[in-house]
Amino acid sequence: MVTMNTLIQNILVVIALVFAIIFIVRKFIWKPTKSKKACGGDDGCGCH
């Protein structure tokens, strides 16, 4: 039989693993599309 402490520990490990996987996917795999209106050229945005 699983004790309550083991159950809570397993739940916390699963939650930490899910957050770690989400972080890795967002950081390295999923690349958001950059807006064409970013201040990187002569588009007259006045931010430089």
Protein backbone atom coordinates (compact mmCIF):
# COMPACT_ATOMS: atom_id res chain seq x y z
CA MET A 1 0.00 0.00 0.00
CA VAL A 2 1.24 3.46 -0.91
CA THR A 3 1.59 5.83 2.00
CA MET A 4 0.36 9.40 1.82
CA ASN A 5 3.91 10.81 1.82
CA THR A 6 4.87 8.70 -1.19
CA LEU A 7 1.72 9.77 -3.02
CA ILE A 8 2.41 13.47 -2.39
CA GLN A 9 6.05 13.01 -3.41
CA ASN A 10 5.04 11.32 -6.67
CA ILE A 11 2.56 14.08 -7.47
CA LEU A 12 5.21 16.75 -6.88
CA VAL A 13 7.72 14.91 -9.06
CA VAL A 14 5.21 14.66 -11.91
CA ILE A 15 4.36 18.36 -11.62
CA ALA A 16 8.05 19.31 -11.66
CA LEU A 17 8.64 17.07 -14.67
CA VAL A 18 5.74 18.65 -16.57
CA PHE A 19 7.05 22.15 -15.85
CA ALA A 20 10.56 21.13 -16.94
CA ILE A 21 9.29 19.66 -20.22
CA ILE A 22 7.20 22.76 -20.93
CA PHE A 23 10.24 24.97 -20.24
CA ILE A 24 12.50 22.94 -22.54
CA VAL A 25 9.92 22.93 -25.34
CA ARG A 26 9.33 26.68 -25.11
CA LYS A 27 13.03 27.51 -24.78
CA PHE A 28 14.60 25.31 -27.44
CA ILE A 29 12.04 23.68 -29.72
CA TRP A 30 9.13 26.09 -30.17
CA LYS A 31 10.28 29.27 -31.90
CA PRO A 32 7.69 32.05 -31.95
CA THR A 33 7.31 33.89 -35.22
CA LYS A 34 8.80 37.35 -35.01
CA SER A 35 6.72 40.28 -36.07
CA LYS A 36 7.69 42.01 -39.29
CA LYS A 37 7.12 45.35 -37.56
CA ALA A 38 9.94 44.86 -35.06
CA CYS A 39 12.33 47.77 -34.69
CA GLY A 40 15.18 46.35 -36.71
CA GLY A 41 15.14 48.40 -39.86
CA ASP A 42 14.11 51.72 -41.31
CA ASP A 43 10.41 51.38 -40.67
CA GLY A 44 10.09 54.74 -38.95
CA CYS A 45 9.06 53.39 -35.57
CA GLY A 46 11.26 55.94 -33.76
CA CYS A 47 12.61 53.53 -31.18
CA HIS A 48 16.30 54.10 -32.00
